[in-house]
Amino acid sequence: MRPPICDLCRAPVKFKDNYTDFLVKFSDYEDLPPRIVGHPKGLLWFCDKHIKNASNYTHLSSSDALTAMREDLGI
């Protein structure tokens, strides 16, 4: 698993109890095979500033979602 850093703005993701509240699965999500360590494709971290917006794009691939979010936010 990659460290908890927002995939949009690169800010550290700060969570208290449930880290999964800051992970979003996109349409290209692929779970890792058994006994494989790493970060699943299509699963991205978002900080508390961007997590709500990210959930609007789960129908897109992770790369298309990031592009759309950057366009929306003018980044």
C-alpha atoms as a PDB file:
ATOM      1  CA  MET A   1       0.000   0.000   0.000  1.00  0.00           C
ATOM      2  CA  ARG A   2       1.291   3.449  -0.883  1.00  0.00           C
ATOM      3  CA  PRO A   3       1.670   5.949   1.959  1.00  0.00           C
ATOM      4  CA  PRO A   4      -1.409   8.059   2.745  1.00  0.00           C
ATOM      5  CA  ILE A   5      -0.716  11.069   0.523  1.00  0.00           C
ATOM      6  CA  CYS A   6      -3.495  12.733  -1.460  1.00  0.00           C
ATOM      7  CA  ASP A   7      -3.198  11.671  -5.093  1.00  0.00           C
ATOM      8  CA  LEU A   8      -4.590  15.036  -6.166  1.00  0.00           C
ATOM      9  CA  CYS A   9      -2.734  17.660  -4.108  1.00  0.00           C
ATOM     10  CA  ARG A  10       0.050  15.540  -2.518  1.00  0.00           C
ATOM     11  CA  ALA A  11      -0.925  16.632   1.030  1.00  0.00           C
ATOM     12  CA  PRO A  12      -0.572  14.055   3.802  1.00  0.00           C
ATOM     13  CA  VAL A  13      -3.854  12.294   4.531  1.00  0.00           C
ATOM     14  CA  LYS A  14      -4.705  12.706   8.201  1.00  0.00           C
ATOM     15  CA  PHE A  15      -7.087  10.157   9.641  1.00  0.00           C
ATOM     16  CA  LYS A  16      -7.938   9.239  13.203  1.00  0.00           C
ATOM     17  CA  ASP A  17      -9.528   5.810  13.159  1.00  0.00           C
ATOM     18  CA  ASN A  18     -10.637   4.503   9.791  1.00  0.00           C
ATOM     19  CA  TYR A  19      -8.103   5.056   7.016  1.00  0.00           C
ATOM     20  CA  THR A  20     -10.411   3.464   4.440  1.00  0.00           C
ATOM     21  CA  ASP A  21     -12.614   6.577   4.613  1.00  0.00           C
ATOM     22  CA  PHE A  22      -9.877   8.311   2.588  1.00  0.00           C
ATOM     23  CA  LEU A  23      -9.470   5.676  -0.127  1.00  0.00           C
ATOM     24  CA  VAL A  24     -11.624   5.747  -3.267  1.00  0.00           C
ATOM     25  CA  LYS A  25     -12.113   2.846  -5.699  1.00  0.00           C
ATOM     26  CA  PHE A  26     -12.483   3.875  -9.328  1.00  0.00           C
ATOM     27  CA  SER A  27     -13.776   1.884 -12.310  1.00  0.00           C
ATOM     28  CA  ASP A  28     -10.303   0.500 -13.064  1.00  0.00           C
ATOM     29  CA  TYR A  29      -9.915  -0.963  -9.559  1.00  0.00           C
ATOM     30  CA  GLU A  30      -8.193  -4.341  -9.472  1.00  0.00           C
ATOM     31  CA  ASP A  31      -7.637  -6.135  -6.198  1.00  0.00           C
ATOM     32  CA  LEU A  32      -4.184  -7.584  -5.619  1.00  0.00           C
ATOM     33  CA  PRO A  33      -3.761 -11.336  -6.011  1.00  0.00           C
ATOM     34  CA  PRO A  34      -3.437 -13.362  -2.787  1.00  0.00           C
ATOM     35  CA  ARG A  35      -0.099 -13.013  -0.969  1.00  0.00           C
ATOM     36  CA  ILE A  36       0.961 -10.053  -3.145  1.00  0.00           C
ATOM     37  CA  VAL A  37       2.008  -6.860  -1.386  1.00  0.00           C
ATOM     38  CA  GLY A  38       1.521  -3.478  -3.015  1.00  0.00           C
ATOM     39  CA  HIS A  39      -1.124  -0.925  -3.874  1.00  0.00           C
ATOM     40  CA  PRO A  40      -4.120  -1.959  -5.972  1.00  0.00           C
ATOM     41  CA  LYS A  41      -4.656  -0.317  -9.342  1.00  0.00           C
ATOM     42  CA  GLY A  42      -7.545   2.158  -9.305  1.00  0.00           C
ATOM     43  CA  LEU A  43      -7.459   2.783  -5.546  1.00  0.00           C
ATOM     44  CA  LEU A  44      -6.405   6.328  -4.648  1.00  0.00           C
ATOM     45  CA  TRP A  45      -5.856   8.321  -1.460  1.00  0.00           C
ATOM     46  CA  PHE A  46      -7.568  11.684  -0.950  1.00  0.00           C
ATOM     47  CA  CYS A  47      -7.202  14.256   1.811  1.00  0.00           C
ATOM     48  CA  ASP A  48     -10.233  15.567   3.686  1.00  0.00           C
ATOM     49  CA  LYS A  49     -10.338  18.554   1.327  1.00  0.00           C
ATOM     50  CA  HIS A  50     -10.759  16.378  -1.810  1.00  0.00           C
ATOM     51  CA  ILE A  51     -12.419  13.136  -0.661  1.00  0.00           C
ATOM     52  CA  LYS A  52     -15.990  14.356  -1.255  1.00  0.00           C
ATOM     53  CA  ASN A  53     -15.218  15.540  -4.784  1.00  0.00           C
ATOM     54  CA  ALA A  54     -13.411  12.284  -5.603  1.00  0.00           C
ATOM     55  CA  SER A  55     -16.486  10.206  -4.805  1.00  0.00           C
ATOM     56  CA  ASN A  56     -18.317  11.959  -7.681  1.00  0.00           C
ATOM     57  CA  TYR A  57     -15.944  10.346 -10.203  1.00  0.00           C
ATOM     58  CA  THR A  58     -15.938   6.662  -9.235  1.00  0.00           C
ATOM     59  CA  HIS A  59     -17.528   5.779 -12.590  1.00  0.00           C
ATOM     60  CA  LEU A  60     -14.285   6.892 -14.309  1.00  0.00           C
ATOM     61  CA  SER A  61     -10.855   5.300 -14.329  1.00  0.00           C
ATOM     62  CA  SER A  62      -8.510   6.675 -11.693  1.00  0.00           C
ATOM     63  CA  SER A  63      -6.447   8.634 -14.229  1.00  0.00           C
ATOM     64  CA  ASP A  64      -9.549  10.109 -15.913  1.00  0.00           C
ATOM     65  CA  ALA A  65     -10.965  11.016 -12.493  1.00  0.00           C
ATOM     66  CA  LEU A  66      -7.781  12.871 -11.520  1.00  0.00           C
ATOM     67  CA  THR A  67      -7.835  14.736 -14.842  1.00  0.00           C
ATOM     68  CA  ALA A  68     -11.482  15.724 -14.374  1.00  0.00           C
ATOM     69  CA  MET A  69     -10.875  16.830 -10.789  1.00  0.00           C
ATOM     70  CA  ARG A  70      -7.879  18.940 -11.806  1.00  0.00           C
ATOM     71  CA  GLU A  71      -9.978  20.603 -14.504  1.00  0.00           C
ATOM     72  CA  ASP A  72     -12.838  21.267 -12.058  1.00  0.00           C
ATOM     73  CA  LEU A  73     -10.504  22.747  -9.461  1.00  0.00           C
ATOM     74  CA  GLY A  74      -8.268  24.600 -11.922  1.00  0.00           C
ATOM     75  CA  ILE A  75      -5.146  22.741 -10.813  1.00  0.00           C
END
